[in-house]
Structures are given as structure tokens and as C-alpha cells.
Amino acid sequence: MSKLKIIHIIVGLNVGGAETMLFKLLKNADHTKYDFEVISMMDEGVFGPKIRELGIPVHTLGMKRGIINPFFIKRARSLVKDAQIIQTWMYHADFFGFLIKNRSTKQKLIWGIRHSNLEKNMNKSLVLKIAKLNALLSKKVDSIISCSINAADIHAKFGYSTSNMITIPNGFELDTFYKLPNAKSLIEKEIKLPKNKPLIVHVGRWNVQKDYPNLIKAIHLIQLKRPDVNFLLCGVNIDENNKELIELLKQNKVEENVFLLGKREDIPKILSAADILISSSSGEGFSNVIGEAMSCETPCIVTDVGDSAFIVGPYGVVVPPRNAEMLAHATNEFLNKTEEEKKLLGKQARKRVIEEFEVKKIVSKFEEQYKIK
């Protein structure tokens, strides 16, 4: 039996939710059934070399953000001409995939929705224009995979077809993300923190939808009652070179207890060291870091955006977005729990991930979409 050839198209391959899930899908899919290739519309980023290590070809088009010209369309068409399935990730790639699909064959096109906030003040105008154009084209796509229930609802209201839309959440690799012993003492030693003090972690790139102003204000309010708490913030551009972030810390007078770690490669250790993960976002689809923290037995306090409340279920705390006071109050209430109560919540959180979001279970749902009628 010959293998199905599946081409994935994505805007870029730097660290992000879509890029991470694509890599996990490629790593855990059944390679006896499928031949995969990846087209990055821009460059190979962080994940390009990792995907190549799986034995999967990666093609980079070198496009500039927001610019599509006939040269790129022609080259991409030559790359996908023998594929039975084209799977795209996020708006620009969805539109690009629609342009290059071979209309003279039964080539299947699968779109990907990874975004749950389409407010004008939270998105670039070009993003909204492409999303609106995609909504008009969506009935002509074979299937649309949304990473979250909330995102599917929002896109349906935005005009997307619902007859061909399904929801497949992100999956988590439980052999990579698990509670690492001595993680907290290792982090305390590395950053020179006082021992056995509460440690709160936030993981997320510098992006308007991560709502760092909300997070920093909440940190200020938490410290008014709990000056013993330390905070680790990590992600792309979360470092001393980010002048806007540094100014936020100064304005809220929290510079001393907030440590900016930038982009880290040891996220399981960071999450294992934390007493709590805070997600302060004003917009999410399906947050990877929440599931990763839960896998590491770290309880989460999250804003009610995207599927964050669904992910934590009854084993986390959910507060409204853009409300630093409630975020701080929930955090202080959690810090007052006994160590036994915190540990139990952490174990229950990991059990929820095992039951609902284990990566092999999620990959099998993607593979269901690869069936050719």
C-alpha cells in the first residue's frame, strides 16, 4: 500500500503554538502511512532543523511577511503537485494553500485555525482582512481544523463555514513534560533566589494578546500582600533589552522580585520549579504552556480566554481577562493553600492531561482527517 503524501504549509517555523503542534504531529504520526514535507513561507526558524532530524524535507520560500507574488505561488505549486493532501496552519498559510491547490485533481486542502481573538484593537489590519477573505473562501475547503472550541465559535460568527469545521486540541508529550525532581532548587541556585520561597512563572512571548500590562499590574498587587514571592518571566523578547517591559516593571515597582529569563530551552524544568503558572492573556486559542504546566504537576491560574478554562477544568483557577485585581486575588488565595492541597491539584492536573490531551490521542484525530474518500 503506497503512502499518502502530505505537505504542511506554515508561515514560519519559530517558536509558537502552531509551530510546536506541527512538530509534535510530525514526530508522533504514523510514518508507515504518510510521507510528510513542510513548506515554510518565510525561513526555517527554530523548528526547521528539528523537523529535518525526523527525516522530513523542509522547503523555505524566503517570503517577506505580508507579501505574496507569482514567483512564490509558482514555486509552491511545483512542490505540492504530487501531494494528496495540503494542510495549512494559520490565516496567511490558509490563503496561500488555497491559491496553490491543484483544482484539476482531488487534492485535499485542510486549513488550520489557531486564533481566538478577532477584535480590531488586538490584531493588525492585514490579519483581519485575510481572515475575512478566508471566511468567504471557507466553504470551498475540504476541512477546517480549529485548535479550540472557543476559536471555532468565534470564526463561525466571523463568517467561516461550520459544515466542514472540527475541533482538535493541542496534544502534550508526557515523556517530555513531567515533574522534574529538584527543579526548584536548581533554579534557585541558577538565579540566586532565596530558598523555599513561593515561585510563580509566566511563559509567553512579547505580544499584545499575552497582556503583559495585566500581568505586571497583578504582580504589583500580589506583592503588596506577599512580598516573599518571586516571579520568573520567560519567552521571546522577555529580557533586559525590552525597554517597554522594563518600563512596565519600573512603573509598577516590581523590578526586584521579577526575573526576566528570555527564551529558554528548559521549559519543563522552569515549570516543574514553579508553585503556580499564571496565564494573563487577553486572547488565546489553545494554550500550549497551560497544558505543559499541568503535565509538570504545576497548578494554573488562567484568564477566561480561548479554551484556557476548558484545559484546566476543575483543577485550576479561572479569572476574567484584563482584570489584574481578580488575577492577584486568585493568586494570593492559592498561595494560602496548604502544601498538600497544592500537590493534590498538581497531580489532578496531570491526570487531566493524560486523559484528555495526550499527544498520541490527539495525533490520531488529525490522522482521521487524512482519509481520502
Protein backbone atom coordinates (compact mmCIF):
# COMPACT_ATOMS: atom_id res chain seq x y z
CA MET A 1 0.00 0.00 0.00
CA SER A 2 1.51 3.34 -1.08
CA LYS A 3 1.92 6.15 1.41
CA LEU A 4 -0.14 9.33 1.31
CA LYS A 5 1.95 12.40 0.59
CA ILE A 6 1.03 15.27 2.90
CA ILE A 7 2.51 18.77 2.56
CA HIS A 8 2.25 21.11 5.55
CA ILE A 9 2.39 24.85 4.86
CA ILE A 10 3.13 27.29 7.67
CA VAL A 11 4.14 30.96 7.74
CA GLY A 12 7.38 30.34 9.66
CA LEU A 13 8.99 27.84 11.99
CA ASN A 14 9.98 29.87 15.02
CA VAL A 15 8.55 29.06 18.46
CA GLY A 16 4.78 29.39 18.68
CA GLY A 17 1.69 27.31 19.35
CA ALA A 18 1.07 26.26 15.74
CA GLU A 19 4.74 25.53 15.08
CA THR A 20 5.01 23.45 18.25
CA MET A 21 1.90 21.43 17.45
CA LEU A 22 3.05 20.85 13.87
CA PHE A 23 6.35 19.45 15.15
CA LYS A 24 4.60 17.18 17.66
CA LEU A 25 2.25 15.95 14.94
CA LEU A 26 5.13 15.16 12.58
CA LYS A 27 7.09 13.46 15.36
CA ASN A 28 4.24 11.23 16.53
CA ALA A 29 2.34 10.45 13.31
CA ASP A 30 2.40 7.03 11.66
CA HIS A 31 5.27 7.30 9.16
CA THR A 32 4.41 3.91 7.66
CA LYS A 33 1.25 5.51 6.25
CA TYR A 34 2.34 9.05 5.41
CA ASP A 35 5.16 10.86 3.64
CA PHE A 36 5.39 14.37 5.04
CA GLU A 37 7.05 17.51 3.73
CA VAL A 38 6.94 21.04 5.16
CA ILE A 39 6.89 24.38 3.37
CA SER A 40 7.77 27.43 5.46
CA MET A 41 6.65 30.57 3.68
CA MET A 42 9.49 32.50 5.33
CA ASP A 43 12.52 30.76 6.87
CA GLU A 44 13.32 27.56 8.76
CA GLY A 45 13.36 29.22 12.18
CA VAL A 46 13.87 27.03 15.24
CA PHE A 47 11.85 24.01 14.17
CA GLY A 48 13.22 23.59 10.63
CA PRO A 49 16.37 21.70 11.71
CA LYS A 50 14.37 19.64 14.23
CA ILE A 51 11.91 18.59 11.53
CA ARG A 52 14.78 17.63 9.22
CA GLU A 53 16.17 15.44 12.02
CA LEU A 54 12.91 13.45 11.75
CA GLY A 55 13.84 12.74 8.12
CA ILE A 56 11.19 15.14 6.79
CA PRO A 57 12.14 17.60 4.00
CA VAL A 58 11.70 21.30 4.80
CA HIS A 59 11.38 23.85 1.98
CA THR A 60 11.76 27.57 2.69
CA LEU A 61 10.36 30.17 0.31
CA GLY A 62 12.02 33.24 1.83
CA MET A 63 8.88 35.36 1.56
CA LYS A 64 8.60 38.70 3.32
CA ARG A 65 5.72 38.99 5.79
CA GLY A 66 2.54 40.12 4.06
CA ILE A 67 3.90 39.83 0.51
CA ILE A 68 2.73 37.18 -1.97
CA ASN A 69 3.87 37.37 -5.59
CA PRO A 70 3.53 34.99 -8.58
CA PHE A 71 7.08 33.66 -8.16
CA PHE A 72 6.28 32.17 -4.74
CA ILE A 73 2.96 30.76 -5.96
CA LYS A 74 4.66 29.07 -8.92
CA ARG A 75 7.41 27.56 -6.79
CA ALA A 76 4.99 26.32 -4.13
CA ARG A 77 2.75 24.74 -6.78
CA SER A 78 5.70 22.76 -8.07
CA LEU A 79 6.40 21.50 -4.52
CA VAL A 80 2.82 20.37 -3.83
CA LYS A 81 1.89 18.98 -7.26
CA ASP A 82 2.27 15.33 -6.19
CA ALA A 83 0.69 15.69 -2.74
CA GLN A 84 -2.69 14.13 -1.99
CA ILE A 85 -3.19 16.45 0.99
CA ILE A 86 -2.17 20.04 1.72
CA GLN A 87 -2.50 21.03 5.37
CA THR A 88 -2.06 24.69 6.29
CA TRP A 89 -1.53 26.43 9.59
CA MET A 90 -2.90 29.94 10.34
CA TYR A 91 -4.53 32.61 8.15
CA HIS A 92 -1.74 33.56 5.74
CA ALA A 93 -0.82 29.93 5.11
CA ASP A 94 -4.50 29.01 4.72
CA PHE A 95 -4.95 31.63 2.00
CA PHE A 96 -1.66 30.66 0.34
CA GLY A 97 -2.68 27.00 0.35
CA PHE A 98 -5.95 27.91 -1.33
CA LEU A 99 -4.06 29.77 -4.06
CA ILE A 100 -1.67 26.92 -4.85
CA LYS A 101 -4.04 23.95 -4.58
CA ASN A 102 -4.37 22.00 -7.82
CA ARG A 103 -8.01 22.44 -8.86
CA SER A 104 -7.78 19.77 -11.57
CA THR A 105 -7.21 16.91 -9.11
CA LYS A 106 -8.86 15.65 -5.92
CA GLN A 107 -6.08 17.18 -3.85
CA LYS A 108 -7.45 17.68 -0.33
CA LEU A 109 -6.98 21.03 1.44
CA ILE A 110 -7.12 21.22 5.25
CA TRP A 111 -6.99 24.64 6.89
CA GLY A 112 -5.92 25.42 10.46
CA ILE A 113 -7.39 27.99 12.85
CA ARG A 114 -5.11 28.86 15.77
CA HIS A 115 -6.51 32.22 16.89
CA SER A 116 -9.49 33.16 19.06
CA ASN A 117 -9.45 36.95 19.25
CA LEU A 118 -10.55 38.92 16.19
CA GLU A 119 -11.05 42.28 17.90
CA LYS A 120 -9.88 45.22 15.80
CA ASN A 121 -7.70 46.70 18.52
CA MET A 122 -5.96 43.37 19.15
CA ASN A 123 -4.96 42.50 15.58
CA LYS A 124 -3.15 44.02 12.63
CA SER A 125 -5.48 45.21 9.88
CA LEU A 126 -3.89 42.84 7.34
CA VAL A 127 -4.58 39.85 9.60
CA LEU A 128 -8.26 40.79 9.83
CA LYS A 129 -8.50 41.35 6.07
CA ILE A 130 -7.06 37.91 5.33
CA ALA A 131 -9.30 36.30 7.97
CA LYS A 132 -12.34 37.93 6.34
CA LEU A 133 -11.22 36.79 2.88
CA ASN A 134 -10.68 33.28 4.23
CA ALA A 135 -14.18 33.31 5.68
CA LEU A 136 -15.56 33.94 2.19
CA LEU A 137 -13.49 31.06 0.77
CA SER A 138 -14.01 28.63 3.65
CA LYS A 139 -16.89 26.68 2.08
CA LYS A 140 -14.53 25.59 -0.71
CA VAL A 141 -12.06 23.95 1.71
CA ASP A 142 -12.28 20.22 2.46
CA SER A 143 -11.93 20.66 6.22
CA ILE A 144 -11.01 23.31 8.75
CA ILE A 145 -9.31 22.25 11.99
CA SER A 146 -9.71 24.65 14.89
CA CYS A 147 -7.40 24.16 17.87
CA SER A 148 -10.11 25.27 20.28
CA ILE A 149 -13.87 25.19 20.81
CA ASN A 150 -13.87 28.91 21.52
CA ALA A 151 -11.95 29.73 18.33
CA ALA A 152 -14.40 27.65 16.26
CA ASP A 153 -17.34 29.60 17.72
CA ILE A 154 -15.66 32.96 17.10
CA HIS A 155 -14.80 32.10 13.49
CA ALA A 156 -18.32 30.83 12.83
CA LYS A 157 -19.64 34.24 13.94
CA PHE A 158 -16.98 35.88 11.74
CA GLY A 159 -18.43 34.13 8.70
CA TYR A 160 -16.47 30.87 8.42
CA SER A 161 -18.26 27.77 7.19
CA THR A 162 -19.20 25.40 10.01
CA SER A 163 -20.19 22.40 7.88
CA ASN A 164 -16.53 21.45 7.35
CA MET A 165 -15.09 22.63 10.68
CA ILE A 166 -13.93 20.38 13.52
CA THR A 167 -12.01 21.00 16.75
CA ILE A 168 -8.79 19.16 17.60
CA PRO A 169 -7.00 20.46 20.70
CA ASN A 170 -3.23 20.57 21.15
CA GLY A 171 -1.56 17.43 22.43
CA PHE A 172 1.18 17.12 25.04
CA GLU A 173 4.19 14.82 25.23
CA LEU A 174 4.06 13.40 28.72
CA ASP A 175 7.50 11.81 28.44
CA THR A 176 8.96 15.30 27.93
CA PHE A 177 6.78 17.31 30.30
CA TYR A 178 6.63 15.79 33.77
CA LYS A 179 7.55 16.82 37.30
CA LEU A 180 11.34 17.04 37.48
CA PRO A 181 12.78 16.39 40.95
CA ASN A 182 14.92 19.15 42.46
CA ALA A 183 13.89 21.60 39.70
CA LYS A 184 13.14 24.35 42.19
CA SER A 185 16.48 24.05 43.98
CA LEU A 186 18.28 24.08 40.62
CA ILE A 187 16.51 27.26 39.54
CA GLU A 188 17.09 28.88 42.94
CA LYS A 189 20.79 28.16 42.60
CA GLU A 190 20.98 29.39 39.00
CA ILE A 191 19.19 32.69 39.63
CA LYS A 192 20.46 33.09 43.20
CA LEU A 193 17.00 33.13 44.77
CA PRO A 194 16.34 32.67 48.48
CA LYS A 195 15.41 29.05 49.17
CA ASN A 196 11.88 27.76 49.67
CA LYS A 197 10.07 30.97 48.73
CA PRO A 198 6.95 30.85 46.53
CA LEU A 199 7.81 30.92 42.83
CA ILE A 200 5.34 32.00 40.15
CA VAL A 201 6.07 31.53 36.45
CA HIS A 202 4.72 33.13 33.29
CA VAL A 203 5.79 31.81 29.87
CA GLY A 204 4.94 33.76 26.75
CA ARG A 205 6.48 35.86 24.00
CA TRP A 206 6.17 39.66 23.95
CA ASN A 207 2.81 40.02 22.23
CA VAL A 208 -0.22 42.23 22.81
CA GLN A 209 -2.50 39.24 23.40
CA LYS A 210 -0.28 37.92 26.20
CA ASP A 211 -1.29 41.12 28.05
CA TYR A 212 1.89 41.84 29.96
CA PRO A 213 0.45 45.09 31.41
CA ASN A 214 -2.24 42.98 33.12
CA LEU A 215 0.38 40.53 34.39
CA ILE A 216 2.74 43.20 35.76
CA LYS A 217 -0.07 45.07 37.49
CA ALA A 218 -1.21 41.80 39.08
CA ILE A 219 2.36 41.11 40.24
CA HIS A 220 2.38 44.52 41.95
CA LEU A 221 -0.89 43.71 43.74
CA ILE A 222 0.31 40.24 44.74
CA GLN A 223 3.48 41.67 46.24
CA LEU A 224 1.58 44.15 48.37
CA LYS A 225 0.35 41.16 50.37
CA ARG A 226 3.10 38.65 49.61
CA PRO A 227 6.49 40.38 49.29
CA ASP A 228 8.19 36.99 49.64
CA VAL A 229 7.00 35.78 46.23
CA ASN A 230 9.41 35.69 43.25
CA PHE A 231 8.37 35.73 39.60
CA LEU A 232 10.08 34.16 36.60
CA LEU A 233 9.05 35.50 33.19
CA CYS A 234 10.36 33.80 30.08
CA GLY A 235 9.74 33.91 26.36
CA VAL A 236 10.96 35.58 23.20
CA ASN A 237 11.89 39.25 23.93
CA ILE A 238 11.23 38.84 27.65
CA ASP A 239 14.61 40.18 28.66
CA GLU A 240 16.54 43.27 29.69
CA ASN A 241 16.61 44.57 26.11
CA ASN A 242 12.85 45.03 26.05
CA LYS A 243 12.59 48.68 27.08
CA GLU A 244 8.81 48.68 27.13
CA LEU A 245 8.74 45.74 29.52
CA ILE A 246 11.44 47.27 31.74
CA GLU A 247 9.39 50.47 31.93
CA LEU A 248 6.31 48.46 32.95
CA LEU A 249 8.26 46.85 35.78
CA LYS A 250 9.54 50.23 36.97
CA GLN A 251 6.12 51.86 36.84
CA ASN A 252 4.70 49.07 39.00
CA LYS A 253 7.76 48.99 41.30
CA VAL A 254 8.33 45.25 40.95
CA GLU A 255 11.85 45.14 39.48
CA GLU A 256 13.42 43.42 42.49
CA ASN A 257 11.29 40.27 42.55
CA VAL A 258 10.77 39.76 38.81
CA PHE A 259 13.42 37.85 36.86
CA LEU A 260 13.46 38.05 33.06
CA LEU A 261 14.84 34.84 31.57
CA GLY A 262 14.25 35.42 27.86
CA LYS A 263 13.81 32.42 25.59
CA ARG A 264 14.57 29.15 27.41
CA GLU A 265 15.18 25.64 26.15
CA ASP A 266 14.48 24.03 29.56
CA ILE A 267 10.78 24.82 29.95
CA PRO A 268 9.99 21.51 31.74
CA LYS A 269 12.49 22.48 34.45
CA ILE A 270 11.07 26.02 34.73
CA LEU A 271 7.51 24.71 35.01
CA SER A 272 8.49 21.98 37.49
CA ALA A 273 10.13 24.61 39.70
CA ALA A 274 7.01 26.77 39.83
CA ASP A 275 4.40 26.73 42.55
CA ILE A 276 1.95 28.27 40.08
CA LEU A 277 1.79 29.12 36.40
CA ILE A 278 -0.08 32.33 35.59
CA SER A 279 -1.58 32.87 32.14
CA SER A 280 -2.63 36.54 31.89
CA SER A 281 -3.69 36.61 28.22
CA SER A 282 -6.44 38.70 26.68
CA GLY A 283 -6.61 36.27 23.77
CA GLU A 284 -5.61 32.63 23.21
CA GLY A 285 -6.63 29.73 21.01
CA PHE A 286 -5.50 26.66 22.89
CA SER A 287 -2.58 27.50 25.15
CA ASN A 288 0.34 25.07 24.97
CA VAL A 289 2.01 26.34 28.11
CA ILE A 290 -1.03 25.70 30.29
CA GLY A 291 -1.12 22.04 29.25
CA GLU A 292 2.65 21.78 29.65
CA ALA A 293 2.49 23.20 33.18
CA MET A 294 -0.31 20.79 34.10
CA SER A 295 1.78 17.92 32.72
CA CYS A 296 4.52 19.02 35.14
CA GLU A 297 2.00 18.91 38.04
CA THR A 298 2.02 22.71 38.29
CA PRO A 299 -1.42 24.22 39.02
CA CYS A 300 -2.51 27.10 36.78
CA ILE A 301 -4.33 30.38 37.25
CA VAL A 302 -5.66 31.44 33.86
CA THR A 303 -7.75 34.14 32.25
CA ASP A 304 -11.01 33.04 30.67
CA VAL A 305 -9.93 33.32 27.03
CA GLY A 306 -9.85 30.75 24.27
CA ASP A 307 -10.05 27.25 25.75
CA SER A 308 -7.98 28.04 28.85
CA ALA A 309 -10.87 27.34 31.25
CA PHE A 310 -11.61 24.08 29.41
CA ILE A 311 -7.96 22.99 29.62
CA VAL A 312 -7.64 23.41 33.40
CA GLY A 313 -11.13 22.05 34.07
CA PRO A 314 -11.85 21.83 37.82
CA TYR A 315 -8.13 21.64 38.67
CA GLY A 316 -7.14 25.27 38.07
CA VAL A 317 -8.44 28.75 38.78
CA VAL A 318 -10.13 30.89 36.11
CA VAL A 319 -10.48 34.70 36.26
CA PRO A 320 -11.75 37.29 33.76
CA PRO A 321 -9.23 38.74 31.28
CA ARG A 322 -7.86 42.27 31.71
CA ASN A 323 -8.65 42.21 35.44
CA ALA A 324 -5.41 42.44 37.42
CA GLU A 325 -7.24 42.73 40.73
CA MET A 326 -9.00 39.38 40.34
CA LEU A 327 -5.86 37.73 38.96
CA ALA A 328 -3.91 38.92 42.01
CA HIS A 329 -6.67 37.92 44.43
CA ALA A 330 -6.90 34.40 42.97
CA THR A 331 -3.12 34.03 43.18
CA ASN A 332 -2.96 35.14 46.80
CA GLU A 333 -5.82 32.79 47.67
CA PHE A 334 -3.97 29.92 46.04
CA LEU A 335 -0.75 30.73 47.88
CA ASN A 336 -2.67 30.37 51.13
CA LYS A 337 -3.49 26.72 50.41
CA THR A 338 -1.57 24.00 52.24
CA GLU A 339 1.29 22.20 50.51
CA GLU A 340 -0.83 19.03 50.44
CA GLU A 341 -3.68 20.85 48.70
CA LYS A 342 -1.31 22.32 46.08
CA LYS A 343 0.32 18.93 45.41
CA LEU A 344 -3.07 17.23 45.01
CA LEU A 345 -4.20 19.86 42.49
CA GLY A 346 -0.96 19.38 40.57
CA LYS A 347 -1.42 15.61 40.37
CA GLN A 348 -5.05 16.01 39.31
CA ALA A 349 -3.97 18.49 36.63
CA ARG A 350 -1.52 15.98 35.12
CA LYS A 351 -4.18 13.25 35.23
CA ARG A 352 -6.49 15.52 33.23
CA VAL A 353 -3.84 15.99 30.54
CA ILE A 354 -3.26 12.23 30.37
CA GLU A 355 -6.97 11.60 29.90
CA GLU A 356 -7.82 14.44 27.52
CA PHE A 357 -4.72 15.76 25.72
CA GLU A 358 -2.06 13.03 25.49
CA VAL A 359 -0.29 13.59 22.17
CA LYS A 360 -0.90 10.16 20.60
CA LYS A 361 -4.64 10.54 21.16
CA ILE A 362 -4.57 13.96 19.52
CA VAL A 363 -2.44 12.83 16.56
CA SER A 364 -4.95 10.04 15.83
CA LYS A 365 -7.63 12.73 15.46
CA PHE A 366 -5.50 14.51 12.84
CA GLU A 367 -4.96 11.21 11.04
CA GLU A 368 -8.73 10.73 10.82
CA GLN A 369 -8.79 13.87 8.66
CA TYR A 370 -6.24 12.37 6.26
CA LYS A 371 -8.62 9.71 4.97
CA ILE A 372 -9.27 10.08 1.26
CA LYS A 373 -12.83 9.29 0.19
